[in-house]
């Protein structure tokens, strides 16, 4: 009789804990599915405009962040052959740390926006500066950023949904078994 009571309380504790986990799984699955469209280009654009090649830093942390943002954007633009968030016009339309450092005539956009040769230098720097098609990358980098993140969000949502389906049947079986235990 004592063994049955301890088994009964064990299953009851298990069911309660699994229901709590089930609720958190459901919340994370719903969050991943619904917030996948919340990734917008505006925070990337703001960060790029405020920090890219910012020379005047308020403190060491600001200097470090500006250097890292510059390095990250340079790598992103070179690896994905893109320029800015929406395109090269981001550097001309908006006020930015880059624009306050370089004139529009000398540097309409960073050199990383230019089409590069095998050595990593612009194919035609003057053509790039003038905006001649084929000498600068006209597409924005937002698709290169958002594409993998959206795929990951869908993967997390579907994986969470699969776990929820499995957990539902396990919980149902456990509750059925618990209801059959005699006191």
N, C-alpha and C. Protein backbone atom coordinates (compact mmCIF):
# COMPACT_ATOMS: atom_id res chain seq x y z
N UNK A 1 0.82 -1.19 0.00
CA UNK A 1 0.00 0.00 0.00
C UNK A 1 0.87 1.26 0.00
N UNK A 2 1.95 1.26 0.79
CA UNK A 2 2.84 2.42 0.88
C UNK A 2 3.56 2.63 -0.46
N UNK A 3 3.94 1.55 -1.13
CA UNK A 3 4.60 1.65 -2.42
C UNK A 3 3.70 2.25 -3.48
N UNK A 4 2.41 1.95 -3.41
CA UNK A 4 1.46 2.49 -4.37
C UNK A 4 1.29 3.99 -4.19
N UNK A 5 1.24 4.43 -2.92
CA UNK A 5 1.11 5.87 -2.65
C UNK A 5 2.33 6.64 -3.15
N UNK A 6 3.52 6.10 -2.92
CA UNK A 6 4.72 6.80 -3.39
C UNK A 6 4.78 6.80 -4.91
N UNK A 7 4.34 5.70 -5.54
CA UNK A 7 4.28 5.65 -7.00
C UNK A 7 3.26 6.64 -7.52
N UNK A 8 2.13 6.73 -6.83
CA UNK A 8 1.07 7.66 -7.21
C UNK A 8 1.57 9.10 -7.10
N UNK A 9 2.23 9.46 -6.01
CA UNK A 9 2.75 10.82 -5.85
C UNK A 9 3.87 11.11 -6.85
N UNK A 10 4.65 10.09 -7.17
CA UNK A 10 5.71 10.25 -8.17
C UNK A 10 5.10 10.61 -9.53
N UNK A 11 4.07 9.86 -9.95
CA UNK A 11 3.43 10.15 -11.23
C UNK A 11 2.74 11.51 -11.22
N UNK A 12 2.13 11.87 -10.09
CA UNK A 12 1.47 13.16 -9.99
C UNK A 12 2.50 14.30 -10.12
N UNK A 13 3.63 14.17 -9.46
CA UNK A 13 4.70 15.16 -9.57
C UNK A 13 5.23 15.23 -11.00
N UNK A 14 5.42 14.07 -11.61
CA UNK A 14 5.89 14.02 -12.99
C UNK A 14 4.92 14.74 -13.92
N UNK A 15 3.64 14.48 -13.76
CA UNK A 15 2.63 15.10 -14.63
C UNK A 15 2.62 16.62 -14.44
N UNK A 16 2.69 17.08 -13.20
CA UNK A 16 2.69 18.53 -12.95
C UNK A 16 3.93 19.18 -13.59
N UNK A 17 5.10 18.58 -13.38
CA UNK A 17 6.33 19.14 -13.97
C UNK A 17 6.26 19.13 -15.49
N UNK A 18 5.75 18.05 -16.06
CA UNK A 18 5.65 17.98 -17.53
C UNK A 18 4.65 18.99 -18.07
N UNK A 19 3.57 19.25 -17.35
CA UNK A 19 2.61 20.27 -17.79
C UNK A 19 3.25 21.66 -17.77
N UNK A 20 4.09 21.93 -16.77
CA UNK A 20 4.80 23.21 -16.73
C UNK A 20 5.76 23.32 -17.91
N UNK A 21 6.51 22.26 -18.16
CA UNK A 21 7.43 22.25 -19.31
C UNK A 21 6.65 22.39 -20.61
N UNK A 22 5.51 21.71 -20.70
CA UNK A 22 4.67 21.78 -21.89
C UNK A 22 4.21 23.22 -22.14
N UNK A 23 3.84 23.93 -21.07
CA UNK A 23 3.40 25.33 -21.23
C UNK A 23 4.55 26.20 -21.74
N UNK A 24 5.76 26.01 -21.20
CA UNK A 24 6.90 26.79 -21.68
C UNK A 24 7.27 26.43 -23.11
N UNK A 25 7.18 25.17 -23.47
CA UNK A 25 7.44 24.75 -24.86
C UNK A 25 6.44 25.40 -25.80
N UNK A 26 5.19 25.42 -25.39
CA UNK A 26 4.15 26.01 -26.23
C UNK A 26 4.41 27.51 -26.41
N UNK A 27 4.79 28.17 -25.32
CA UNK A 27 5.08 29.61 -25.41
C UNK A 27 6.27 29.88 -26.33
N UNK A 28 7.31 29.08 -26.23
CA UNK A 28 8.48 29.31 -27.09
C UNK A 28 8.17 29.01 -28.55
N UNK A 29 7.37 28.00 -28.79
CA UNK A 29 6.98 27.66 -30.16
C UNK A 29 6.15 28.79 -30.77
N UNK A 30 5.19 29.29 -30.03
CA UNK A 30 4.34 30.38 -30.52
C UNK A 30 5.18 31.65 -30.73
N UNK A 31 6.08 31.93 -29.80
CA UNK A 31 6.94 33.11 -29.93
C UNK A 31 7.82 33.02 -31.17
N UNK A 32 8.43 31.86 -31.40
CA UNK A 32 9.29 31.70 -32.58
C UNK A 32 8.50 31.87 -33.86
N UNK A 33 7.28 31.34 -33.89
CA UNK A 33 6.48 31.42 -35.11
C UNK A 33 5.95 32.83 -35.36
N UNK A 34 5.55 33.52 -34.30
CA UNK A 34 4.93 34.84 -34.50
C UNK A 34 5.94 35.98 -34.60
N UNK A 35 7.10 35.84 -33.99
CA UNK A 35 8.07 36.92 -33.99
C UNK A 35 9.08 36.83 -35.13
N UNK A 36 8.90 35.91 -35.99
CA UNK A 36 9.83 35.75 -37.10
C UNK A 36 9.78 36.97 -38.02
N UNK A 37 8.65 37.63 -38.12
CA UNK A 37 8.52 38.80 -38.98
C UNK A 37 8.91 40.10 -38.28
N UNK A 38 9.34 40.02 -37.04
CA UNK A 38 9.71 41.22 -36.30
C UNK A 38 11.14 41.66 -36.59
N UNK A 39 11.87 40.89 -37.37
CA UNK A 39 13.22 41.27 -37.74
C UNK A 39 13.11 42.27 -38.89
N UNK A 40 13.33 43.53 -38.57
CA UNK A 40 13.19 44.59 -39.56
C UNK A 40 14.54 45.24 -39.83
N UNK A 41 14.68 45.91 -40.95
CA UNK A 41 15.97 46.52 -41.29
C UNK A 41 16.32 47.76 -40.48
N UNK A 42 15.35 48.37 -39.81
CA UNK A 42 15.61 49.65 -39.14
C UNK A 42 16.70 49.59 -38.07
N UNK A 43 16.73 48.60 -37.17
CA UNK A 43 17.83 48.58 -36.19
C UNK A 43 19.21 48.42 -36.84
N UNK A 44 19.28 47.64 -37.91
CA UNK A 44 20.55 47.47 -38.61
C UNK A 44 20.98 48.77 -39.27
N UNK A 45 20.02 49.46 -39.86
CA UNK A 45 20.32 50.73 -40.52
C UNK A 45 20.78 51.76 -39.50
N UNK A 46 20.09 51.85 -38.38
CA UNK A 46 20.46 52.81 -37.33
C UNK A 46 21.87 52.52 -36.81
N UNK A 47 22.15 51.26 -36.52
CA UNK A 47 23.47 50.89 -36.00
C UNK A 47 24.56 51.22 -37.02
N UNK A 48 24.31 50.89 -38.28
CA UNK A 48 25.30 51.14 -39.33
C UNK A 48 25.56 52.64 -39.46
N UNK A 49 24.51 53.45 -39.48
CA UNK A 49 24.68 54.88 -39.68
C UNK A 49 25.35 55.56 -38.49
N UNK A 50 25.05 55.10 -37.28
CA UNK A 50 25.61 55.74 -36.09
C UNK A 50 27.04 55.30 -35.79
N UNK A 51 27.39 54.08 -36.12
CA UNK A 51 28.66 53.54 -35.63
C UNK A 51 29.70 53.24 -36.71
N UNK A 52 29.29 53.11 -37.96
CA UNK A 52 30.24 52.73 -39.01
C UNK A 52 31.28 53.83 -39.20
N UNK A 53 32.53 53.51 -38.99
CA UNK A 53 33.69 54.41 -39.11
C UNK A 53 33.51 55.70 -38.31
N UNK A 54 32.94 55.55 -37.12
CA UNK A 54 32.81 56.70 -36.23
C UNK A 54 34.17 56.96 -35.59
N UNK A 55 34.72 58.15 -35.83
CA UNK A 55 36.06 58.47 -35.35
C UNK A 55 36.06 59.05 -33.94
N UNK A 56 35.03 59.79 -33.59
CA UNK A 56 34.98 60.44 -32.29
C UNK A 56 34.15 59.58 -31.34
N UNK A 57 34.82 58.93 -30.41
CA UNK A 57 34.13 58.09 -29.45
C UNK A 57 34.01 58.80 -28.11
N UNK A 58 32.90 58.57 -27.42
CA UNK A 58 32.67 59.18 -26.11
C UNK A 58 33.54 58.54 -25.03
N UNK A 59 33.74 57.24 -25.15
CA UNK A 59 34.53 56.50 -24.16
C UNK A 59 35.14 55.27 -24.85
N UNK A 60 35.86 54.46 -24.09
CA UNK A 60 36.51 53.28 -24.67
C UNK A 60 35.50 52.26 -25.18
N UNK A 61 34.39 52.12 -24.46
CA UNK A 61 33.37 51.16 -24.89
C UNK A 61 32.76 51.59 -26.22
N UNK A 62 32.48 52.87 -26.36
CA UNK A 62 31.92 53.40 -27.60
C UNK A 62 32.91 53.23 -28.75
N UNK A 63 34.18 53.46 -28.46
CA UNK A 63 35.23 53.28 -29.48
C UNK A 63 35.31 51.81 -29.92
N UNK A 64 35.29 50.91 -28.93
CA UNK A 64 35.36 49.48 -29.23
C UNK A 64 34.14 49.05 -30.05
N UNK A 65 32.94 49.51 -29.66
CA UNK A 65 31.73 49.14 -30.39
C UNK A 65 31.77 49.66 -31.82
N UNK A 66 32.24 50.88 -32.01
CA UNK A 66 32.32 51.44 -33.36
C UNK A 66 33.30 50.66 -34.22
N UNK A 67 34.43 50.28 -33.64
CA UNK A 67 35.41 49.48 -34.39
C UNK A 67 34.85 48.13 -34.77
N UNK A 68 34.14 47.48 -33.85
CA UNK A 68 33.56 46.16 -34.14
C UNK A 68 32.43 46.25 -35.16
N UNK A 69 31.61 47.28 -35.06
CA UNK A 69 30.54 47.46 -36.05
C UNK A 69 31.14 47.70 -37.42
N UNK A 70 32.17 48.52 -37.49
CA UNK A 70 32.84 48.78 -38.77
C UNK A 70 33.43 47.49 -39.34
N UNK A 71 34.10 46.72 -38.51
CA UNK A 71 34.70 45.47 -38.97
C UNK A 71 33.63 44.48 -39.44
N UNK A 72 32.55 44.40 -38.68
CA UNK A 72 31.47 43.47 -39.05
C UNK A 72 30.82 43.87 -40.36
N UNK A 73 30.52 45.15 -40.52
CA UNK A 73 29.90 45.60 -41.77
C UNK A 73 30.85 45.45 -42.95
N UNK A 74 32.13 45.71 -42.75
CA UNK A 74 33.09 45.50 -43.84
C UNK A 74 33.11 44.05 -44.27
N UNK A 75 33.17 43.13 -43.31
CA UNK A 75 33.17 41.70 -43.66
C UNK A 75 31.86 41.29 -44.33
N UNK A 76 30.74 41.78 -43.81
CA UNK A 76 29.44 41.44 -44.38
C UNK A 76 29.32 41.92 -45.82
N UNK A 77 29.75 43.16 -46.06
CA UNK A 77 29.63 43.72 -47.42
C UNK A 77 30.57 43.01 -48.39
N UNK A 78 31.77 42.65 -47.93
CA UNK A 78 32.71 41.95 -48.82
C UNK A 78 32.28 40.52 -49.10
N UNK A 79 31.86 39.80 -48.08
CA UNK A 79 31.50 38.39 -48.25
C UNK A 79 30.23 38.21 -49.06
N UNK A 80 29.26 39.10 -48.87
CA UNK A 80 27.97 38.95 -49.55
C UNK A 80 27.81 39.84 -50.77
N UNK A 81 28.86 40.58 -51.10
CA UNK A 81 28.84 41.49 -52.25
C UNK A 81 27.59 42.37 -52.24
N UNK A 82 27.44 43.05 -51.10
CA UNK A 82 26.30 43.94 -50.92
C UNK A 82 26.80 45.26 -50.35
N UNK A 83 25.89 46.21 -50.20
CA UNK A 83 26.29 47.53 -49.73
C UNK A 83 25.17 48.14 -48.89
N UNK A 84 25.48 48.50 -47.66
CA UNK A 84 24.48 49.10 -46.79
C UNK A 84 23.38 48.12 -46.42
N UNK A 85 22.31 48.63 -45.88
CA UNK A 85 21.18 47.77 -45.50
C UNK A 85 20.25 47.59 -46.69
N UNK A 86 19.81 48.70 -47.28
CA UNK A 86 18.91 48.64 -48.45
C UNK A 86 19.68 48.75 -49.77
N UNK A 87 20.86 49.30 -49.73
CA UNK A 87 21.66 49.52 -50.92
C UNK A 87 22.62 50.67 -50.69
N UNK A 88 23.42 51.02 -51.69
CA UNK A 88 24.40 52.10 -51.52
C UNK A 88 23.78 53.45 -51.21
N UNK A 89 22.52 53.64 -51.57
CA UNK A 89 21.88 54.94 -51.32
C UNK A 89 21.71 55.22 -49.83
N UNK A 90 21.79 54.19 -48.98
CA UNK A 90 21.74 54.41 -47.52
C UNK A 90 22.81 55.39 -47.08
N UNK A 91 23.96 55.30 -47.71
CA UNK A 91 25.09 56.15 -47.32
C UNK A 91 24.90 57.59 -47.77
N UNK A 92 24.01 57.81 -48.74
CA UNK A 92 23.79 59.16 -49.27
C UNK A 92 22.52 59.80 -48.72
N UNK A 93 21.50 58.99 -48.48
CA UNK A 93 20.21 59.53 -48.04
C UNK A 93 20.21 59.99 -46.59
N UNK A 94 20.96 59.30 -45.76
CA UNK A 94 20.88 59.54 -44.32
C UNK A 94 22.17 60.16 -43.79
N UNK A 95 22.03 60.95 -42.74
CA UNK A 95 23.21 61.48 -42.05
C UNK A 95 23.87 60.34 -41.29
N UNK A 96 25.18 60.26 -41.35
CA UNK A 96 25.87 59.15 -40.71
C UNK A 96 27.25 59.58 -40.25
N UNK A 97 27.86 58.75 -39.40
CA UNK A 97 29.23 59.01 -38.98
C UNK A 97 30.17 58.94 -40.18
N UNK A 98 29.88 58.03 -41.10
CA UNK A 98 30.68 57.90 -42.32
C UNK A 98 30.60 59.17 -43.15
N UNK A 99 29.39 59.69 -43.32
CA UNK A 99 29.19 60.89 -44.15
C UNK A 99 29.83 62.11 -43.51
N UNK A 100 29.86 62.18 -42.18
CA UNK A 100 30.49 63.33 -41.53
C UNK A 100 32.02 63.28 -41.67
N UNK A 101 32.58 62.11 -41.94
CA UNK A 101 34.02 61.97 -42.10
C UNK A 101 34.46 62.17 -43.55
N UNK A 102 33.68 61.62 -44.49
CA UNK A 102 34.06 61.64 -45.91
C UNK A 102 33.03 62.42 -46.71
N UNK A 103 33.51 63.18 -47.70
CA UNK A 103 32.59 63.93 -48.55
C UNK A 103 31.94 62.98 -49.56
N UNK A 104 30.79 63.39 -50.03
CA UNK A 104 30.04 62.58 -50.98
C UNK A 104 30.79 62.42 -52.30
N UNK A 105 31.55 63.44 -52.68
CA UNK A 105 32.29 63.38 -53.94
C UNK A 105 33.45 62.39 -53.86
N UNK A 106 34.13 62.35 -52.72
CA UNK A 106 35.28 61.44 -52.58
C UNK A 106 34.85 60.01 -52.27
N UNK A 107 33.91 59.86 -51.38
CA UNK A 107 33.45 58.54 -50.94
C UNK A 107 31.93 58.54 -50.85
N UNK A 108 31.22 58.27 -51.93
CA UNK A 108 29.75 58.23 -51.81
C UNK A 108 29.29 57.07 -50.93
N UNK A 109 30.10 56.03 -50.86
CA UNK A 109 29.86 54.87 -50.01
C UNK A 109 31.21 54.23 -49.72
N UNK A 110 31.29 53.34 -48.74
CA UNK A 110 32.60 52.74 -48.42
C UNK A 110 33.17 51.93 -49.58
N UNK A 111 34.48 51.79 -49.61
CA UNK A 111 35.12 51.02 -50.68
C UNK A 111 34.68 49.56 -50.68
N UNK A 112 34.20 49.05 -49.55
CA UNK A 112 33.74 47.66 -49.49
C UNK A 112 32.49 47.46 -50.33
N UNK A 113 31.86 48.53 -50.77
CA UNK A 113 30.70 48.45 -51.66
C UNK A 113 31.12 48.24 -53.12
N UNK A 114 32.38 48.45 -53.40
CA UNK A 114 32.88 48.30 -54.77
C UNK A 114 33.05 46.82 -55.11
N UNK A 115 32.94 46.51 -56.39
CA UNK A 115 33.23 45.15 -56.86
C UNK A 115 34.74 44.96 -56.76
N UNK A 116 35.13 43.89 -56.11
CA UNK A 116 36.56 43.65 -55.83
C UNK A 116 37.14 42.60 -56.78
N UNK A 117 38.45 42.73 -57.01
CA UNK A 117 39.15 41.71 -57.80
C UNK A 117 39.67 40.62 -56.86
N UNK A 118 40.44 39.70 -57.38
CA UNK A 118 40.93 38.56 -56.59
C UNK A 118 41.87 39.01 -55.47
N UNK A 119 42.53 40.13 -55.64
CA UNK A 119 43.47 40.64 -54.62
C UNK A 119 42.77 41.41 -53.51
N UNK A 120 41.46 41.69 -53.66
CA UNK A 120 40.72 42.41 -52.64
C UNK A 120 40.72 43.91 -52.81
N UNK A 121 41.08 44.39 -54.00
CA UNK A 121 41.02 45.83 -54.26
C UNK A 121 39.94 46.09 -55.31
N UNK A 122 39.38 47.31 -55.30
CA UNK A 122 38.30 47.61 -56.26
C UNK A 122 38.74 47.42 -57.71
N UNK A 123 37.85 46.86 -58.51
CA UNK A 123 38.14 46.63 -59.93
C UNK A 123 38.36 47.98 -60.62
N UNK A 124 37.50 48.93 -60.36
CA UNK A 124 37.62 50.27 -60.94
C UNK A 124 37.09 51.25 -59.90
N UNK A 125 37.97 51.86 -59.14
CA UNK A 125 37.57 52.74 -58.04
C UNK A 125 36.79 53.95 -58.53
N UNK A 126 37.21 54.54 -59.63
CA UNK A 126 36.48 55.70 -60.16
C UNK A 126 35.08 55.31 -60.63
N UNK A 127 34.98 54.16 -61.29
CA UNK A 127 33.66 53.66 -61.72
C UNK A 127 32.76 53.39 -60.53
N UNK A 128 33.36 52.88 -59.46
CA UNK A 128 32.61 52.61 -58.24
C UNK A 128 32.12 53.91 -57.62
N UNK A 129 33.00 54.90 -57.52
CA UNK A 129 32.64 56.19 -56.93
C UNK A 129 31.55 56.89 -57.72
N UNK A 130 31.59 56.73 -59.05
CA UNK A 130 30.59 57.39 -59.91
C UNK A 130 29.28 56.61 -59.97
N UNK A 131 29.28 55.38 -59.46
CA UNK A 131 28.07 54.57 -59.48
C UNK A 131 27.80 53.89 -60.80
N UNK A 132 28.86 53.56 -61.54
CA UNK A 132 28.71 52.88 -62.82
C UNK A 132 28.32 51.42 -62.54
N UNK A 133 27.19 50.96 -63.11
CA UNK A 133 26.77 49.58 -62.86
C UNK A 133 27.88 48.58 -63.24
N UNK A 134 28.05 47.60 -62.40
CA UNK A 134 29.09 46.61 -62.62
C UNK A 134 30.36 46.88 -61.83
N UNK A 135 30.49 48.10 -61.32
CA UNK A 135 31.67 48.45 -60.54
C UNK A 135 31.37 48.65 -59.05
N UNK A 136 30.10 48.60 -58.69
CA UNK A 136 29.72 48.67 -57.27
C UNK A 136 28.57 47.69 -57.03
N UNK A 137 28.44 47.26 -55.80
CA UNK A 137 27.37 46.32 -55.44
C UNK A 137 26.11 47.13 -55.12
N UNK A 138 25.09 46.94 -55.92
CA UNK A 138 23.89 47.77 -55.79
C UNK A 138 22.84 47.18 -54.84
N UNK A 139 23.01 45.92 -54.45
CA UNK A 139 22.01 45.32 -53.58
C UNK A 139 22.36 45.55 -52.11
N UNK A 140 21.34 45.61 -51.27
CA UNK A 140 21.53 45.80 -49.84
C UNK A 140 21.87 44.51 -49.13
N UNK A 141 22.36 44.63 -47.92
CA UNK A 141 22.78 43.47 -47.13
C UNK A 141 21.68 42.90 -46.25
N UNK A 142 20.51 43.53 -46.21
CA UNK A 142 19.46 43.06 -45.30
C UNK A 142 19.04 41.63 -45.59
N UNK A 143 18.94 41.26 -46.87
CA UNK A 143 18.56 39.88 -47.21
C UNK A 143 19.60 38.88 -46.72
N UNK A 144 20.86 39.26 -46.76
CA UNK A 144 21.92 38.36 -46.27
C UNK A 144 21.83 38.19 -44.76
N UNK A 145 21.31 39.20 -44.05
CA UNK A 145 21.16 39.12 -42.60
C UNK A 145 19.88 38.39 -42.23
N UNK A 146 18.78 38.78 -42.84
CA UNK A 146 17.47 38.28 -42.42
C UNK A 146 17.17 36.87 -42.92
N UNK A 147 17.72 36.48 -44.06
CA UNK A 147 17.42 35.16 -44.60
C UNK A 147 17.75 34.02 -43.65
N UNK A 148 19.00 33.93 -43.17
CA UNK A 148 19.33 32.85 -42.23
C UNK A 148 18.56 32.95 -40.91
N UNK A 149 18.30 34.17 -40.44
CA UNK A 149 17.58 34.31 -39.17
C UNK A 149 16.14 33.85 -39.32
N UNK A 150 15.51 34.15 -40.43
CA UNK A 150 14.13 33.69 -40.66
C UNK A 150 14.08 32.17 -40.79
N UNK A 151 15.05 31.59 -41.47
CA UNK A 151 15.09 30.12 -41.58
C UNK A 151 15.27 29.49 -40.21
N UNK A 152 16.12 30.08 -39.38
CA UNK A 152 16.33 29.53 -38.04
C UNK A 152 15.07 29.65 -37.20
N UNK A 153 14.34 30.75 -37.33
CA UNK A 153 13.11 30.93 -36.56
C UNK A 153 12.08 29.87 -36.93
N UNK A 154 11.97 29.59 -38.23
CA UNK A 154 11.03 28.55 -38.65
C UNK A 154 11.47 27.18 -38.15
N UNK A 155 12.77 26.93 -38.18
CA UNK A 155 13.28 25.65 -37.69
C UNK A 155 12.99 25.46 -36.21
N UNK A 156 13.19 26.51 -35.42
CA UNK A 156 12.91 26.44 -33.99
C UNK A 156 11.42 26.22 -33.75
N UNK A 157 10.58 26.93 -34.50
CA UNK A 157 9.14 26.79 -34.33
C UNK A 157 8.68 25.37 -34.66
N UNK A 158 9.14 24.80 -35.77
CA UNK A 158 8.71 23.46 -36.14
C UNK A 158 9.29 22.39 -35.23
N UNK A 159 10.52 22.57 -34.77
CA UNK A 159 11.10 21.63 -33.82
C UNK A 159 10.32 21.67 -32.51
N UNK A 160 9.99 22.87 -32.06
CA UNK A 160 9.17 23.01 -30.85
C UNK A 160 7.81 22.37 -31.01
N UNK A 161 7.22 22.53 -32.19
CA UNK A 161 5.91 21.92 -32.45
C UNK A 161 6.01 20.40 -32.43
N UNK A 162 7.08 19.85 -33.00
CA UNK A 162 7.26 18.39 -32.98
C UNK A 162 7.42 17.87 -31.56
N UNK A 163 8.17 18.60 -30.74
CA UNK A 163 8.32 18.19 -29.33
C UNK A 163 6.98 18.28 -28.61
N UNK A 164 6.21 19.31 -28.91
CA UNK A 164 4.89 19.45 -28.29
C UNK A 164 3.98 18.27 -28.64
N UNK A 165 4.00 17.86 -29.89
CA UNK A 165 3.18 16.72 -30.29
C UNK A 165 3.59 15.46 -29.54
N UNK A 166 4.88 15.21 -29.47
CA UNK A 166 5.37 14.02 -28.76
C UNK A 166 5.02 14.10 -27.26
N UNK A 167 5.25 15.26 -26.66
CA UNK A 167 4.99 15.43 -25.23
C UNK A 167 3.51 15.28 -24.91
N UNK A 168 2.66 15.73 -25.79
CA UNK A 168 1.22 15.58 -25.59
C UNK A 168 0.84 14.11 -25.43
N UNK A 169 1.33 13.27 -26.31
CA UNK A 169 0.99 11.84 -26.24
C UNK A 169 1.62 11.17 -25.01
N UNK A 170 2.82 11.57 -24.66
CA UNK A 170 3.47 11.03 -23.45
C UNK A 170 2.67 11.43 -22.21
N UNK A 171 2.27 12.69 -22.15
CA UNK A 171 1.48 13.14 -21.01
C UNK A 171 0.12 12.45 -20.94
N UNK A 172 -0.50 12.28 -22.07
CA UNK A 172 -1.80 11.60 -22.11
C UNK A 172 -1.66 10.15 -21.62
N UNK A 173 -0.62 9.46 -22.10
CA UNK A 173 -0.39 8.09 -21.64
C UNK A 173 -0.08 8.02 -20.16
N UNK A 174 0.72 8.96 -19.66
CA UNK A 174 1.05 8.99 -18.24
C UNK A 174 -0.18 9.27 -17.39
N UNK A 175 -1.02 10.20 -17.82
CA UNK A 175 -2.24 10.49 -17.07
C UNK A 175 -3.19 9.30 -17.07
N UNK A 176 -3.26 8.61 -18.21
CA UNK A 176 -4.12 7.41 -18.26
C UNK A 176 -3.59 6.35 -17.30
N UNK A 177 -2.28 6.14 -17.30
CA UNK A 177 -1.67 5.16 -16.41
C UNK A 177 -1.86 5.57 -14.95
N UNK A 178 -1.71 6.86 -14.66
CA UNK A 178 -1.87 7.36 -13.29
C UNK A 178 -3.30 7.17 -12.80
N UNK A 179 -4.29 7.36 -13.72
CA UNK A 179 -5.67 7.19 -13.30
C UNK A 179 -6.03 5.74 -13.01
N UNK A 180 -5.24 4.80 -13.51
CA UNK A 180 -5.51 3.36 -13.31
C UNK A 180 -4.83 2.80 -12.07
N UNK A 181 -3.97 3.59 -11.43
CA UNK A 181 -3.30 3.10 -10.22
C UNK A 181 -4.31 3.04 -9.10
N UNK A 182 -4.35 1.92 -8.43
CA UNK A 182 -5.28 1.76 -7.31
C UNK A 182 -4.61 2.18 -6.03
N UNK A 183 -5.38 2.80 -5.15
CA UNK A 183 -4.85 3.25 -3.88
C UNK A 183 -4.79 2.13 -2.89
